[in-house]
N, C-alpha and C. Protein backbone atom coordinates (compact mmCIF):
# COMPACT_ATOMS: atom_id res chain seq x y z
N MET A 1 -16.73 6.65 -16.74
CA MET A 1 -15.41 6.17 -17.11
C MET A 1 -14.38 6.79 -16.17
N THR A 2 -13.53 5.95 -15.60
CA THR A 2 -12.50 6.46 -14.71
C THR A 2 -11.20 6.72 -15.49
N VAL A 3 -10.57 7.79 -15.14
CA VAL A 3 -9.30 8.14 -15.77
C VAL A 3 -8.19 7.45 -14.99
N PRO A 4 -7.27 6.79 -15.69
CA PRO A 4 -6.18 6.11 -14.96
C PRO A 4 -5.27 7.13 -14.28
N HIS A 5 -4.68 6.69 -13.20
CA HIS A 5 -3.74 7.56 -12.49
C HIS A 5 -2.51 7.80 -13.35
N VAL A 6 -1.82 8.88 -13.06
CA VAL A 6 -0.62 9.24 -13.80
C VAL A 6 0.49 8.27 -13.42
N GLU A 7 1.21 7.81 -14.43
CA GLU A 7 2.31 6.87 -14.21
C GLU A 7 3.38 7.50 -13.32
N PRO A 8 3.98 6.70 -12.42
CA PRO A 8 5.05 7.22 -11.55
C PRO A 8 6.21 7.85 -12.33
N ALA A 9 6.56 7.28 -13.47
CA ALA A 9 7.66 7.84 -14.27
C ALA A 9 7.31 9.24 -14.77
N HIS A 10 6.05 9.44 -15.13
CA HIS A 10 5.59 10.75 -15.59
C HIS A 10 5.59 11.75 -14.42
N LEU A 11 5.18 11.29 -13.24
CA LEU A 11 5.23 12.15 -12.06
C LEU A 11 6.67 12.54 -11.75
N MET A 12 7.60 11.61 -11.92
CA MET A 12 9.01 11.90 -11.68
C MET A 12 9.51 12.98 -12.65
N GLU A 13 9.13 12.86 -13.91
CA GLU A 13 9.54 13.87 -14.90
C GLU A 13 9.01 15.25 -14.51
N LEU A 14 7.77 15.29 -14.06
CA LEU A 14 7.19 16.56 -13.62
C LEU A 14 7.94 17.11 -12.41
N ALA A 15 8.24 16.25 -11.45
CA ALA A 15 8.94 16.66 -10.24
C ALA A 15 10.34 17.17 -10.55
N LEU A 16 10.97 16.57 -11.55
CA LEU A 16 12.32 17.00 -11.94
C LEU A 16 12.30 18.31 -12.71
N GLY A 17 11.11 18.74 -13.11
CA GLY A 17 11.00 20.00 -13.84
C GLY A 17 11.17 19.85 -15.33
N ASN A 18 11.16 18.63 -15.81
CA ASN A 18 11.27 18.42 -17.26
C ASN A 18 9.98 18.89 -17.92
N ASP A 19 10.10 19.51 -19.06
CA ASP A 19 8.93 20.09 -19.73
C ASP A 19 8.14 19.00 -20.44
N VAL A 20 7.23 18.40 -19.71
CA VAL A 20 6.36 17.38 -20.30
C VAL A 20 4.92 17.86 -20.33
N SER A 21 4.67 19.07 -19.84
CA SER A 21 3.30 19.56 -19.73
C SER A 21 2.65 19.75 -21.10
N SER A 22 3.42 20.17 -22.09
CA SER A 22 2.81 20.37 -23.40
C SER A 22 2.49 19.04 -24.08
N ASP A 23 3.16 17.97 -23.66
CA ASP A 23 2.92 16.65 -24.26
C ASP A 23 1.64 16.00 -23.75
N ASP A 24 1.25 16.32 -22.54
CA ASP A 24 0.14 15.58 -21.94
C ASP A 24 -0.68 16.46 -21.00
N PRO A 25 -1.49 17.37 -21.53
CA PRO A 25 -2.31 18.21 -20.65
C PRO A 25 -3.33 17.41 -19.85
N GLY A 26 -3.70 16.22 -20.33
CA GLY A 26 -4.64 15.37 -19.60
C GLY A 26 -4.08 14.94 -18.26
N SER A 27 -2.79 14.69 -18.21
CA SER A 27 -2.14 14.30 -16.95
C SER A 27 -2.21 15.44 -15.95
N LEU A 28 -1.96 16.64 -16.41
CA LEU A 28 -2.01 17.79 -15.51
C LEU A 28 -3.42 18.02 -14.97
N ARG A 29 -4.41 17.83 -15.83
CA ARG A 29 -5.80 17.96 -15.36
C ARG A 29 -6.12 16.88 -14.34
N HIS A 30 -5.63 15.66 -14.60
CA HIS A 30 -5.88 14.56 -13.66
C HIS A 30 -5.23 14.86 -12.32
N ILE A 31 -4.00 15.33 -12.33
CA ILE A 31 -3.29 15.64 -11.09
C ILE A 31 -4.03 16.72 -10.31
N ALA A 32 -4.57 17.70 -11.02
CA ALA A 32 -5.31 18.78 -10.36
C ALA A 32 -6.57 18.25 -9.67
N ALA A 33 -7.16 17.19 -10.22
CA ALA A 33 -8.41 16.66 -9.67
C ALA A 33 -8.21 15.46 -8.74
N CYS A 34 -7.05 14.82 -8.77
CA CYS A 34 -6.84 13.57 -8.04
C CYS A 34 -5.92 13.80 -6.84
N ASN A 35 -6.47 13.63 -5.65
CA ASN A 35 -5.67 13.81 -4.43
C ASN A 35 -4.49 12.86 -4.38
N ARG A 36 -4.71 11.62 -4.77
CA ARG A 36 -3.65 10.61 -4.71
C ARG A 36 -2.46 11.01 -5.60
N CYS A 37 -2.72 11.34 -6.85
CA CYS A 37 -1.63 11.71 -7.77
C CYS A 37 -0.97 13.02 -7.35
N ARG A 38 -1.78 13.95 -6.86
CA ARG A 38 -1.24 15.23 -6.41
C ARG A 38 -0.31 15.03 -5.21
N GLU A 39 -0.69 14.15 -4.28
CA GLU A 39 0.14 13.87 -3.11
C GLU A 39 1.42 13.13 -3.52
N GLU A 40 1.30 12.17 -4.44
CA GLU A 40 2.50 11.48 -4.92
C GLU A 40 3.48 12.46 -5.57
N LEU A 41 2.96 13.37 -6.39
CA LEU A 41 3.81 14.37 -7.03
C LEU A 41 4.46 15.26 -5.99
N SER A 42 3.72 15.63 -4.98
CA SER A 42 4.27 16.46 -3.90
C SER A 42 5.39 15.74 -3.17
N GLN A 43 5.21 14.46 -2.87
CA GLN A 43 6.24 13.68 -2.18
C GLN A 43 7.49 13.53 -3.05
N ILE A 44 7.30 13.26 -4.33
CA ILE A 44 8.45 13.12 -5.23
C ILE A 44 9.19 14.45 -5.33
N ARG A 45 8.47 15.55 -5.40
CA ARG A 45 9.12 16.87 -5.45
C ARG A 45 9.96 17.13 -4.21
N ARG A 46 9.44 16.73 -3.04
CA ARG A 46 10.21 16.90 -1.80
C ARG A 46 11.51 16.10 -1.84
N VAL A 47 11.45 14.89 -2.37
CA VAL A 47 12.65 14.07 -2.49
C VAL A 47 13.64 14.71 -3.46
N VAL A 48 13.15 15.20 -4.58
CA VAL A 48 14.02 15.84 -5.57
C VAL A 48 14.69 17.07 -4.98
N VAL A 49 13.93 17.90 -4.27
CA VAL A 49 14.50 19.10 -3.65
C VAL A 49 15.55 18.71 -2.62
N SER A 50 15.25 17.72 -1.81
CA SER A 50 16.22 17.26 -0.81
C SER A 50 17.48 16.72 -1.46
N ALA A 51 17.31 15.94 -2.51
CA ALA A 51 18.47 15.35 -3.19
C ALA A 51 19.34 16.43 -3.82
N ARG A 52 18.72 17.45 -4.36
CA ARG A 52 19.49 18.53 -4.99
C ARG A 52 20.22 19.38 -3.96
N ASP A 53 19.76 19.37 -2.72
CA ASP A 53 20.41 20.14 -1.66
C ASP A 53 21.57 19.40 -1.00
N VAL A 54 21.77 18.13 -1.35
CA VAL A 54 22.85 17.36 -0.75
C VAL A 54 24.19 17.92 -1.23
N GLU A 55 25.08 18.10 -0.29
CA GLU A 55 26.42 18.57 -0.61
C GLU A 55 27.41 17.48 -0.25
N GLU A 56 28.60 17.60 -0.77
CA GLU A 56 29.60 16.57 -0.52
C GLU A 56 29.85 16.37 0.97
N SER A 57 29.79 17.45 1.72
CA SER A 57 30.01 17.34 3.16
C SER A 57 28.89 16.57 3.87
N ASP A 58 27.74 16.43 3.23
CA ASP A 58 26.62 15.67 3.80
C ASP A 58 26.83 14.17 3.68
N LEU A 59 27.68 13.76 2.76
CA LEU A 59 27.88 12.33 2.53
C LEU A 59 28.72 11.73 3.64
N PRO A 60 28.45 10.49 3.97
CA PRO A 60 29.24 9.85 5.02
C PRO A 60 30.68 9.64 4.56
N THR A 61 31.58 9.68 5.50
CA THR A 61 32.98 9.41 5.18
C THR A 61 33.22 7.90 5.28
N ALA A 62 34.26 7.47 4.62
CA ALA A 62 34.60 6.04 4.66
C ALA A 62 35.02 5.68 6.09
N PRO A 63 34.57 4.54 6.56
CA PRO A 63 34.96 4.13 7.92
C PRO A 63 36.44 3.77 7.96
N PRO A 64 37.03 3.80 9.14
CA PRO A 64 38.44 3.42 9.26
C PRO A 64 38.66 1.96 8.85
N GLU A 65 39.87 1.64 8.51
CA GLU A 65 40.23 0.28 8.07
C GLU A 65 39.85 -0.77 9.11
N ARG A 66 39.94 -0.43 10.39
CA ARG A 66 39.63 -1.42 11.43
C ARG A 66 38.16 -1.88 11.35
N VAL A 67 37.28 -1.00 10.88
CA VAL A 67 35.87 -1.37 10.74
C VAL A 67 35.73 -2.45 9.67
N TRP A 68 36.40 -2.26 8.51
CA TRP A 68 36.33 -3.25 7.44
C TRP A 68 36.95 -4.56 7.89
N GLN A 69 38.04 -4.49 8.67
CA GLN A 69 38.66 -5.70 9.18
C GLN A 69 37.71 -6.46 10.09
N ARG A 70 37.00 -5.73 10.94
CA ARG A 70 36.04 -6.37 11.86
C ARG A 70 34.89 -7.01 11.08
N ILE A 71 34.40 -6.32 10.05
CA ILE A 71 33.33 -6.88 9.23
C ILE A 71 33.81 -8.16 8.56
N THR A 72 35.00 -8.12 8.01
CA THR A 72 35.57 -9.31 7.37
C THR A 72 35.70 -10.46 8.36
N GLN A 73 36.16 -10.17 9.56
CA GLN A 73 36.29 -11.21 10.59
C GLN A 73 34.93 -11.80 10.93
N GLN A 74 33.94 -10.94 11.10
CA GLN A 74 32.60 -11.43 11.46
C GLN A 74 32.00 -12.26 10.34
N LEU A 75 32.19 -11.84 9.10
CA LEU A 75 31.66 -12.61 7.98
C LEU A 75 32.37 -13.95 7.86
N SER A 76 33.67 -13.96 8.08
CA SER A 76 34.42 -15.22 8.04
C SER A 76 33.96 -16.15 9.15
N ALA A 77 33.78 -15.61 10.34
CA ALA A 77 33.33 -16.42 11.48
C ALA A 77 31.92 -16.95 11.23
N ALA A 78 31.07 -16.12 10.66
CA ALA A 78 29.69 -16.53 10.41
C ALA A 78 29.62 -17.65 9.39
N SER A 79 30.49 -17.62 8.39
CA SER A 79 30.46 -18.67 7.37
C SER A 79 31.00 -19.99 7.92
N ALA A 80 31.75 -19.94 9.00
CA ALA A 80 32.31 -21.16 9.59
C ALA A 80 31.38 -21.78 10.62
N GLU A 81 30.38 -21.05 11.10
CA GLU A 81 29.47 -21.56 12.12
C GLU A 81 28.43 -22.48 11.51
N PRO A 82 27.91 -23.41 12.30
CA PRO A 82 26.80 -24.26 11.82
C PRO A 82 25.57 -23.40 11.52
N GLN A 83 24.72 -23.89 10.65
CA GLN A 83 23.55 -23.15 10.17
C GLN A 83 22.64 -22.70 11.31
N ARG A 84 22.41 -23.52 12.31
CA ARG A 84 21.44 -23.16 13.35
C ARG A 84 21.93 -22.01 14.23
N THR A 85 23.21 -21.75 14.31
CA THR A 85 23.70 -20.65 15.15
C THR A 85 23.90 -19.37 14.36
N ARG A 86 23.62 -19.38 13.08
CA ARG A 86 23.86 -18.22 12.24
C ARG A 86 22.67 -17.27 12.15
N ARG A 87 21.56 -17.58 12.75
CA ARG A 87 20.38 -16.72 12.61
C ARG A 87 20.61 -15.31 13.10
N SER A 88 21.26 -15.14 14.25
CA SER A 88 21.49 -13.79 14.77
C SER A 88 22.46 -13.02 13.89
N THR A 89 23.45 -13.68 13.33
CA THR A 89 24.39 -12.99 12.45
C THR A 89 23.74 -12.66 11.12
N ASN A 90 22.78 -13.47 10.67
CA ASN A 90 22.06 -13.15 9.44
C ASN A 90 21.31 -11.83 9.59
N ARG A 91 20.70 -11.62 10.75
CA ARG A 91 19.97 -10.38 10.99
C ARG A 91 20.95 -9.20 10.98
N HIS A 92 22.10 -9.39 11.60
CA HIS A 92 23.13 -8.34 11.62
C HIS A 92 23.65 -8.08 10.20
N GLY A 93 23.87 -9.14 9.45
CA GLY A 93 24.34 -9.00 8.07
C GLY A 93 23.33 -8.28 7.20
N ARG A 94 22.06 -8.57 7.42
CA ARG A 94 21.00 -7.91 6.66
C ARG A 94 20.99 -6.42 6.98
N THR A 95 21.20 -6.07 8.23
CA THR A 95 21.26 -4.66 8.62
C THR A 95 22.43 -3.97 7.93
N ILE A 96 23.56 -4.64 7.87
CA ILE A 96 24.73 -4.07 7.18
C ILE A 96 24.43 -3.87 5.70
N ARG A 97 23.79 -4.86 5.07
CA ARG A 97 23.46 -4.72 3.64
C ARG A 97 22.49 -3.57 3.42
N TYR A 98 21.49 -3.41 4.29
CA TYR A 98 20.57 -2.28 4.16
C TYR A 98 21.30 -0.95 4.29
N ALA A 99 22.19 -0.87 5.28
CA ALA A 99 22.95 0.37 5.50
C ALA A 99 23.83 0.68 4.29
N LEU A 100 24.50 -0.34 3.76
CA LEU A 100 25.33 -0.11 2.58
C LEU A 100 24.49 0.30 1.38
N GLY A 101 23.33 -0.30 1.22
CA GLY A 101 22.42 0.08 0.14
C GLY A 101 21.97 1.53 0.27
N LEU A 102 21.68 1.94 1.50
CA LEU A 102 21.27 3.32 1.75
C LEU A 102 22.41 4.27 1.40
N LEU A 103 23.63 3.93 1.80
CA LEU A 103 24.78 4.77 1.48
C LEU A 103 24.99 4.89 -0.03
N VAL A 104 24.84 3.78 -0.75
CA VAL A 104 24.98 3.82 -2.20
C VAL A 104 23.89 4.70 -2.80
N GLY A 105 22.67 4.59 -2.29
CA GLY A 105 21.57 5.43 -2.78
C GLY A 105 21.84 6.90 -2.55
N ILE A 106 22.32 7.26 -1.38
CA ILE A 106 22.63 8.66 -1.08
C ILE A 106 23.73 9.16 -1.99
N ALA A 107 24.76 8.35 -2.18
CA ALA A 107 25.86 8.75 -3.06
C ALA A 107 25.37 8.94 -4.49
N PHE A 108 24.47 8.06 -4.95
CA PHE A 108 23.93 8.19 -6.30
C PHE A 108 23.11 9.48 -6.43
N ILE A 109 22.27 9.75 -5.47
CA ILE A 109 21.45 10.97 -5.52
C ILE A 109 22.35 12.20 -5.53
N TRP A 110 23.40 12.19 -4.72
CA TRP A 110 24.32 13.32 -4.70
C TRP A 110 24.98 13.48 -6.06
N TRP A 111 25.48 12.36 -6.62
CA TRP A 111 26.14 12.41 -7.93
C TRP A 111 25.16 12.90 -8.99
N TRP A 112 23.95 12.36 -8.97
CA TRP A 112 22.96 12.71 -9.97
C TRP A 112 22.58 14.18 -9.87
N SER A 113 22.47 14.70 -8.64
CA SER A 113 22.11 16.12 -8.49
C SER A 113 23.22 17.02 -9.00
N ARG A 114 24.46 16.57 -8.91
CA ARG A 114 25.59 17.36 -9.42
C ARG A 114 25.67 17.33 -10.94
N SER A 115 25.31 16.21 -11.54
CA SER A 115 25.45 16.08 -13.00
C SER A 115 24.12 16.22 -13.72
N GLY A 116 23.05 16.37 -12.96
CA GLY A 116 21.71 16.42 -13.55
C GLY A 116 21.42 17.73 -14.25
N PRO A 117 20.13 18.02 -14.45
CA PRO A 117 19.69 19.17 -15.25
C PRO A 117 20.17 20.45 -14.76
């Protein structure tokens, strides 16, 4: 009989240092014997440690107003172009969305580390 791997949410609780060990000693035994779960827990712990070390000075500053104006101009121009010429701007727009998502994620981790346990 194979023992199921530890749920990612449970690994996160362990990485955060929440006292869940008394609730589920089977999970701790599984982690001790399973390289995959042990490595996942190690990776999550590294992320938690890194997130807790983030300081306000590590966060990016807001770009100057001219940057937002340029983005607005490019988005307006892209919406006015025919569909076949918009492929290159779609790639650029996707990059901007990924970057903004990353910034939001970093800001959330910073906020959470300040208000967390």
